[in-house]
């Protein structure tokens, strides 16, 4: 139970360190949307979005376990 939490914490710290070392300004274009900011911000937002999507994907499994 504790090892996945520790693994997630280590991964988050490593992602933060990686993002902090890549603070070059960039432009992100997606369809009609344009965003200018640092690469570190884009990396952190991408990582956070990945975490949110993963957690949303795990919700049905948790609900099924609780019912069963």
PDB file of N, CA and C in Angstrom:
ATOM      1  N   UNK A   1       0.827  -1.197   0.000  1.00  0.00           N
ATOM      2  CA  UNK A   1       0.000   0.000   0.000  1.00  0.00           C
ATOM      3  C   UNK A   1       0.869   1.258   0.000  1.00  0.00           C
ATOM      4  N   UNK A   2       1.964   1.205   0.723  1.00  0.00           N
ATOM      5  CA  UNK A   2       2.818   2.381   0.842  1.00  0.00           C
ATOM      6  C   UNK A   2       3.766   2.536  -0.353  1.00  0.00           C
ATOM      7  N   UNK A   3       4.188   1.431  -0.961  1.00  0.00           N
ATOM      8  CA  UNK A   3       5.163   1.522  -2.053  1.00  0.00           C
ATOM      9  C   UNK A   3       4.624   2.256  -3.293  1.00  0.00           C
ATOM     10  N   UNK A   4       3.349   2.077  -3.709  1.00  0.00           N
ATOM     11  CA  UNK A   4       2.872   2.883  -4.845  1.00  0.00           C
ATOM     12  C   UNK A   4       2.854   4.376  -4.536  1.00  0.00           C
ATOM     13  N   UNK A   5       2.557   4.729  -3.296  1.00  0.00           N
ATOM     14  CA  UNK A   5       2.553   6.129  -2.897  1.00  0.00           C
ATOM     15  C   UNK A   5       3.962   6.709  -2.939  1.00  0.00           C
ATOM     16  N   UNK A   6       4.916   5.951  -2.474  1.00  0.00           N
ATOM     17  CA  UNK A   6       6.311   6.398  -2.517  1.00  0.00           C
ATOM     18  C   UNK A   6       6.784   6.513  -3.964  1.00  0.00           C
ATOM     19  N   UNK A   7       6.413   5.547  -4.806  1.00  0.00           N
ATOM     20  CA  UNK A   7       6.774   5.595  -6.223  1.00  0.00           C
ATOM     21  C   UNK A   7       6.183   6.818  -6.911  1.00  0.00           C
ATOM     22  N   UNK A   8       4.927   7.123  -6.599  1.00  0.00           N
ATOM     23  CA  UNK A   8       4.284   8.303  -7.185  1.00  0.00           C
ATOM     24  C   UNK A   8       4.965   9.582  -6.721  1.00  0.00           C
ATOM     25  N   UNK A   9       5.346   9.630  -5.465  1.00  0.00           N
ATOM     26  CA  UNK A   9       6.035  10.804  -4.929  1.00  0.00           C
ATOM     27  C   UNK A   9       7.395  10.993  -5.595  1.00  0.00           C
ATOM     28  N   UNK A  10       8.134   9.910  -5.765  1.00  0.00           N
ATOM     29  CA  UNK A  10       9.444   9.987  -6.426  1.00  0.00           C
ATOM     30  C   UNK A  10       9.280  10.430  -7.877  1.00  0.00           C
ATOM     31  N   UNK A  11       8.285   9.874  -8.570  1.00  0.00           N
ATOM     32  CA  UNK A  11       8.035  10.259  -9.960  1.00  0.00           C
ATOM     33  C   UNK A  11       7.656  11.730 -10.071  1.00  0.00           C
ATOM     34  N   UNK A  12       6.854  12.211  -9.146  1.00  0.00           N
ATOM     35  CA  UNK A  12       6.460  13.623  -9.149  1.00  0.00           C
ATOM     36  C   UNK A  12       7.664  14.529  -8.908  1.00  0.00           C
ATOM     37  N   UNK A  13       8.512  14.152  -7.986  1.00  0.00           N
ATOM     38  CA  UNK A  13       9.715  14.946  -7.706  1.00  0.00           C
ATOM     39  C   UNK A  13      10.635  14.968  -8.925  1.00  0.00           C
ATOM     40  N   UNK A  14      10.823  13.805  -9.557  1.00  0.00           N
ATOM     41  CA  UNK A  14      11.670  13.749 -10.750  1.00  0.00           C
ATOM     42  C   UNK A  14      11.088  14.577 -11.890  1.00  0.00           C
ATOM     43  N   UNK A  15       9.779  14.529 -12.081  1.00  0.00           N
ATOM     44  CA  UNK A  15       9.146  15.332 -13.125  1.00  0.00           C
ATOM     45  C   UNK A  15       9.310  16.822 -12.829  1.00  0.00           C
ATOM     46  N   UNK A  16       9.173  17.198 -11.573  1.00  0.00           N
ATOM     47  CA  UNK A  16       9.364  18.600 -11.195  1.00  0.00           C
ATOM     48  C   UNK A  16      10.786  19.068 -11.421  1.00  0.00           C
ATOM     49  N   UNK A  17      11.758  18.236 -11.064  1.00  0.00           N
ATOM     50  CA  UNK A  17      13.164  18.587 -11.296  1.00  0.00           C
ATOM     51  C   UNK A  17      13.467  18.699 -12.790  1.00  0.00           C
ATOM     52  N   UNK A  18      12.930  17.766 -13.574  1.00  0.00           N
ATOM     53  CA  UNK A  18      13.136  17.813 -15.019  1.00  0.00           C
ATOM     54  C   UNK A  18      12.538  19.083 -15.611  1.00  0.00           C
ATOM     55  N   UNK A  19      11.340  19.415 -15.177  1.00  0.00           N
ATOM     56  CA  UNK A  19      10.675  20.617 -15.690  1.00  0.00           C
ATOM     57  C   UNK A  19      11.430  21.875 -15.283  1.00  0.00           C
ATOM     58  N   UNK A  20      11.931  21.913 -14.062  1.00  0.00           N
ATOM     59  CA  UNK A  20      12.643  23.101 -13.584  1.00  0.00           C
ATOM     60  C   UNK A  20      13.933  23.356 -14.374  1.00  0.00           C
ATOM     61  N   UNK A  21      14.528  22.300 -14.898  1.00  0.00           N
ATOM     62  CA  UNK A  21      15.764  22.455 -15.654  1.00  0.00           C
ATOM     63  C   UNK A  21      15.515  22.821 -17.115  1.00  0.00           C
ATOM     64  N   UNK A  22      14.248  22.857 -17.527  1.00  0.00           N
ATOM     65  CA  UNK A  22      13.899  23.167 -18.913  1.00  0.00           C
ATOM     66  C   UNK A  22      12.963  24.369 -18.946  1.00  0.00           C
ATOM     67  N   UNK A  23      13.493  25.531 -18.618  1.00  0.00           N
ATOM     68  CA  UNK A  23      12.683  26.741 -18.514  1.00  0.00           C
ATOM     69  C   UNK A  23      12.774  27.617 -19.763  1.00  0.00           C
ATOM     70  N   UNK A  24      13.001  27.030 -20.909  1.00  0.00           N
ATOM     71  CA  UNK A  24      13.107  27.766 -22.170  1.00  0.00           C
ATOM     72  C   UNK A  24      11.712  28.212 -22.607  1.00  0.00           C
ATOM     73  N   UNK A  25      11.562  29.455 -23.066  1.00  0.00           N
ATOM     74  CA  UNK A  25      10.247  29.890 -23.550  1.00  0.00           C
ATOM     75  C   UNK A  25       9.879  29.180 -24.859  1.00  0.00           C
ATOM     76  N   UNK A  26       8.631  28.718 -24.940  1.00  0.00           N
ATOM     77  CA  UNK A  26       8.148  28.025 -26.132  1.00  0.00           C
ATOM     78  C   UNK A  26       6.742  28.500 -26.473  1.00  0.00           C
ATOM     79  N   UNK A  27       6.283  28.149 -27.670  1.00  0.00           N
ATOM     80  CA  UNK A  27       4.915  28.418 -28.103  1.00  0.00           C
ATOM     81  C   UNK A  27       4.246  27.087 -28.398  1.00  0.00           C
ATOM     82  N   UNK A  28       3.093  26.876 -27.784  1.00  0.00           N
ATOM     83  CA  UNK A  28       2.311  25.665 -28.011  1.00  0.00           C
ATOM     84  C   UNK A  28       1.093  26.051 -28.845  1.00  0.00           C
ATOM     85  N   UNK A  29       0.899  25.355 -29.962  1.00  0.00           N
ATOM     86  CA  UNK A  29      -0.248  25.614 -30.830  1.00  0.00           C
ATOM     87  C   UNK A  29      -1.098  24.357 -30.892  1.00  0.00           C
ATOM     88  N   UNK A  30      -2.414  24.522 -30.693  1.00  0.00           N
ATOM     89  CA  UNK A  30      -3.354  23.416 -30.795  1.00  0.00           C
ATOM     90  C   UNK A  30      -4.639  23.944 -31.410  1.00  0.00           C
ATOM     91  N   UNK A  31      -4.931  23.468 -32.618  1.00  0.00           N
ATOM     92  CA  UNK A  31      -6.085  23.937 -33.385  1.00  0.00           C
ATOM     93  C   UNK A  31      -6.050  25.456 -33.492  1.00  0.00           C
ATOM     94  N   UNK A  32      -7.003  26.162 -32.878  1.00  0.00           N
ATOM     95  CA  UNK A  32      -7.037  27.627 -32.952  1.00  0.00           C
ATOM     96  C   UNK A  32      -6.487  28.286 -31.703  1.00  0.00           C
ATOM     97  N   UNK A  33      -5.898  27.514 -30.832  1.00  0.00           N
ATOM     98  CA  UNK A  33      -5.420  28.002 -29.550  1.00  0.00           C
ATOM     99  C   UNK A  33      -3.905  28.132 -29.597  1.00  0.00           C
ATOM    100  N   UNK A  34      -3.392  29.214 -29.048  1.00  0.00           N
ATOM    101  CA  UNK A  34      -1.951  29.451 -29.031  1.00  0.00           C
ATOM    102  C   UNK A  34      -1.565  29.885 -27.627  1.00  0.00           C
ATOM    103  N   UNK A  35      -0.538  29.267 -27.076  1.00  0.00           N
ATOM    104  CA  UNK A  35      -0.103  29.540 -25.719  1.00  0.00           C
ATOM    105  C   UNK A  35       1.401  29.725 -25.711  1.00  0.00           C
ATOM    106  N   UNK A  36       1.850  30.807 -25.104  1.00  0.00           N
ATOM    107  CA  UNK A  36       3.286  31.057 -24.974  1.00  0.00           C
ATOM    108  C   UNK A  36       3.654  31.009 -23.500  1.00  0.00           C
ATOM    109  N   UNK A  37       4.666  30.250 -23.177  1.00  0.00           N
ATOM    110  CA  UNK A  37       5.109  30.131 -21.801  1.00  0.00           C
ATOM    111  C   UNK A  37       6.391  29.316 -21.737  1.00  0.00           C
ATOM    112  N   UNK A  38       6.800  29.019 -20.537  1.00  0.00           N
ATOM    113  CA  UNK A  38       8.045  28.271 -20.377  1.00  0.00           C
ATOM    114  C   UNK A  38       7.789  26.780 -20.589  1.00  0.00           C
ATOM    115  N   UNK A  39       8.804  26.091 -21.037  1.00  0.00           N
ATOM    116  CA  UNK A  39       8.721  24.656 -21.241  1.00  0.00           C
ATOM    117  C   UNK A  39       8.426  23.960 -19.917  1.00  0.00           C
ATOM    118  N   UNK A  40       8.957  24.506 -18.823  1.00  0.00           N
ATOM    119  CA  UNK A  40       8.706  23.928 -17.504  1.00  0.00           C
ATOM    120  C   UNK A  40       7.213  23.924 -17.189  1.00  0.00           C
ATOM    121  N   UNK A  41       6.531  25.020 -17.482  1.00  0.00           N
ATOM    122  CA  UNK A  41       5.095  25.101 -17.225  1.00  0.00           C
ATOM    123  C   UNK A  41       4.328  24.100 -18.070  1.00  0.00           C
ATOM    124  N   UNK A  42       4.694  23.986 -19.336  1.00  0.00           N
ATOM    125  CA  UNK A  42       4.028  23.029 -20.226  1.00  0.00           C
ATOM    126  C   UNK A  42       4.261  21.603 -19.738  1.00  0.00           C
ATOM    127  N   UNK A  43       5.462  21.286 -19.318  1.00  0.00           N
ATOM    128  CA  UNK A  43       5.759  19.944 -18.810  1.00  0.00           C
ATOM    129  C   UNK A  43       4.970  19.635 -17.546  1.00  0.00           C
ATOM    130  N   UNK A  44       4.912  20.580 -16.623  1.00  0.00           N
ATOM    131  CA  UNK A  44       4.183  20.358 -15.369  1.00  0.00           C
ATOM    132  C   UNK A  44       2.689  20.211 -15.631  1.00  0.00           C
ATOM    133  N   UNK A  45       2.143  21.043 -16.507  1.00  0.00           N
ATOM    134  CA  UNK A  45       0.719  20.931 -16.836  1.00  0.00           C
ATOM    135  C   UNK A  45       0.410  19.609 -17.538  1.00  0.00           C
ATOM    136  N   UNK A  46       1.294  19.172 -18.415  1.00  0.00           N
ATOM    137  CA  UNK A  46       1.098  17.895 -19.094  1.00  0.00           C
ATOM    138  C   UNK A  46       1.145  16.738 -18.110  1.00  0.00           C
ATOM    139  N   UNK A  47       2.067  16.793 -17.179  1.00  0.00           N
ATOM    140  CA  UNK A  47       2.176  15.754 -16.154  1.00  0.00           C
ATOM    141  C   UNK A  47       0.922  15.740 -15.286  1.00  0.00           C
ATOM    142  N   UNK A  48       0.461  16.912 -14.874  1.00  0.00           N
ATOM    143  CA  UNK A  48      -0.738  17.003 -14.037  1.00  0.00           C
ATOM    144  C   UNK A  48      -1.966  16.497 -14.787  1.00  0.00           C
ATOM    145  N   UNK A  49      -2.071  16.821 -16.067  1.00  0.00           N
ATOM    146  CA  UNK A  49      -3.195  16.337 -16.867  1.00  0.00           C
ATOM    147  C   UNK A  49      -3.151  14.810 -16.987  1.00  0.00           C
ATOM    148  N   UNK A  50      -1.972  14.263 -17.136  1.00  0.00           N
ATOM    149  CA  UNK A  50      -1.826  12.806 -17.179  1.00  0.00           C
ATOM    150  C   UNK A  50      -2.261  12.150 -15.882  1.00  0.00           C
ATOM    151  N   UNK A  51      -1.933  12.768 -14.754  1.00  0.00           N
ATOM    152  CA  UNK A  51      -2.354  12.249 -13.455  1.00  0.00           C
ATOM    153  C   UNK A  51      -3.870  12.285 -13.336  1.00  0.00           C
ATOM    154  N   UNK A  52      -4.478  13.391 -13.732  1.00  0.00           N
ATOM    155  CA  UNK A  52      -5.940  13.530 -13.643  1.00  0.00           C
ATOM    156  C   UNK A  52      -6.634  12.499 -14.533  1.00  0.00           C
ATOM    157  N   UNK A  53      -6.154  12.320 -15.759  1.00  0.00           N
ATOM    158  CA  UNK A  53      -6.760  11.346 -16.667  1.00  0.00           C
ATOM    159  C   UNK A  53      -6.623   9.929 -16.101  1.00  0.00           C
ATOM    160  N   UNK A  54      -5.473   9.625 -15.540  1.00  0.00           N
ATOM    161  CA  UNK A  54      -5.273   8.306 -14.936  1.00  0.00           C
ATOM    162  C   UNK A  54      -6.226   8.081 -13.772  1.00  0.00           C
ATOM    163  N   UNK A  55      -6.369   9.074 -12.915  1.00  0.00           N
ATOM    164  CA  UNK A  55      -7.286   8.943 -11.784  1.00  0.00           C
ATOM    165  C   UNK A  55      -8.725   8.790 -12.253  1.00  0.00           C
ATOM    166  N   UNK A  56      -9.118   9.526 -13.278  1.00  0.00           N
ATOM    167  CA  UNK A  56     -10.469   9.384 -13.820  1.00  0.00           C
ATOM    168  C   UNK A  56     -10.686   7.999 -14.429  1.00  0.00           C
ATOM    169  N   UNK A  57      -9.651   7.445 -15.029  1.00  0.00           N
ATOM    170  CA  UNK A  57      -9.764   6.106 -15.599  1.00  0.00           C
ATOM    171  C   UNK A  57      -9.881   5.035 -14.515  1.00  0.00           C
ATOM    172  N   UNK A  58      -9.364   5.297 -13.329  1.00  0.00           N
ATOM    173  CA  UNK A  58      -9.416   4.328 -12.233  1.00  0.00           C
ATOM    174  C   UNK A  58     -10.707   4.386 -11.436  1.00  0.00           C
ATOM    175  N   UNK A  59     -11.514   5.418 -11.616  1.00  0.00           N
ATOM    176  CA  UNK A  59     -12.757   5.553 -10.846  1.00  0.00           C
ATOM    177  C   UNK A  59     -13.705   4.375 -11.053  1.00  0.00           C
ATOM    178  N   UNK A  60     -13.974   3.939 -12.281  1.00  0.00           N
ATOM    179  CA  UNK A  60     -14.897   2.804 -12.436  1.00  0.00           C
ATOM    180  C   UNK A  60     -14.422   1.540 -11.712  1.00  0.00           C
ATOM    181  N   UNK A  61     -13.138   1.293 -11.726  1.00  0.00           N
ATOM    182  CA  UNK A  61     -12.588   0.123 -11.034  1.00  0.00           C
ATOM    183  C   UNK A  61     -12.810   0.229  -9.526  1.00  0.00           C
ATOM    184  N   UNK A  62     -12.615   1.409  -8.983  1.00  0.00           N
ATOM    185  CA  UNK A  62     -12.810   1.599  -7.542  1.00  0.00           C
ATOM    186  C   UNK A  62     -14.276   1.459  -7.172  1.00  0.00           C
ATOM    187  N   UNK A  63     -15.160   1.959  -8.007  1.00  0.00           N
ATOM    188  CA  UNK A  63     -16.602   1.828  -7.745  1.00  0.00           C
ATOM    189  C   UNK A  63     -17.026   0.361  -7.812  1.00  0.00           C
ATOM    190  N   UNK A  64     -16.500  -0.373  -8.794  1.00  0.00           N
ATOM    191  CA  UNK A  64     -16.831  -1.782  -8.943  1.00  0.00           C
ATOM    192  C   UNK A  64     -16.363  -2.577  -7.726  1.00  0.00           C
ATOM    193  N   UNK A  65     -15.170  -2.288  -7.239  1.00  0.00           N
ATOM    194  CA  UNK A  65     -14.642  -2.985  -6.045  1.00  0.00           C
ATOM    195  C   UNK A  65     -15.483  -2.692  -4.812  1.00  0.00           C
ATOM    196  N   UNK A  66     -15.952  -1.463  -4.694  1.00  0.00           N
ATOM    197  CA  UNK A  66     -16.731  -1.078  -3.528  1.00  0.00           C
ATOM    198  C   UNK A  66     -18.089  -1.778  -3.532  1.00  0.00           C
ATOM    199  N   UNK A  67     -18.681  -1.936  -4.708  1.00  0.00           N
ATOM    200  CA  UNK A  67     -19.993  -2.579  -4.806  1.00  0.00           C
ATOM    201  C   UNK A  67     -19.901  -4.088  -4.595  1.00  0.00           C
ATOM    202  N   UNK A  68     -18.798  -4.672  -5.042  1.00  0.00           N
ATOM    203  CA  UNK A  68     -18.671  -6.129  -5.018  1.00  0.00           C
ATOM    204  C   UNK A  68     -18.170  -6.605  -3.721  1.00  0.00           C
TER     205      UNK A  68
END
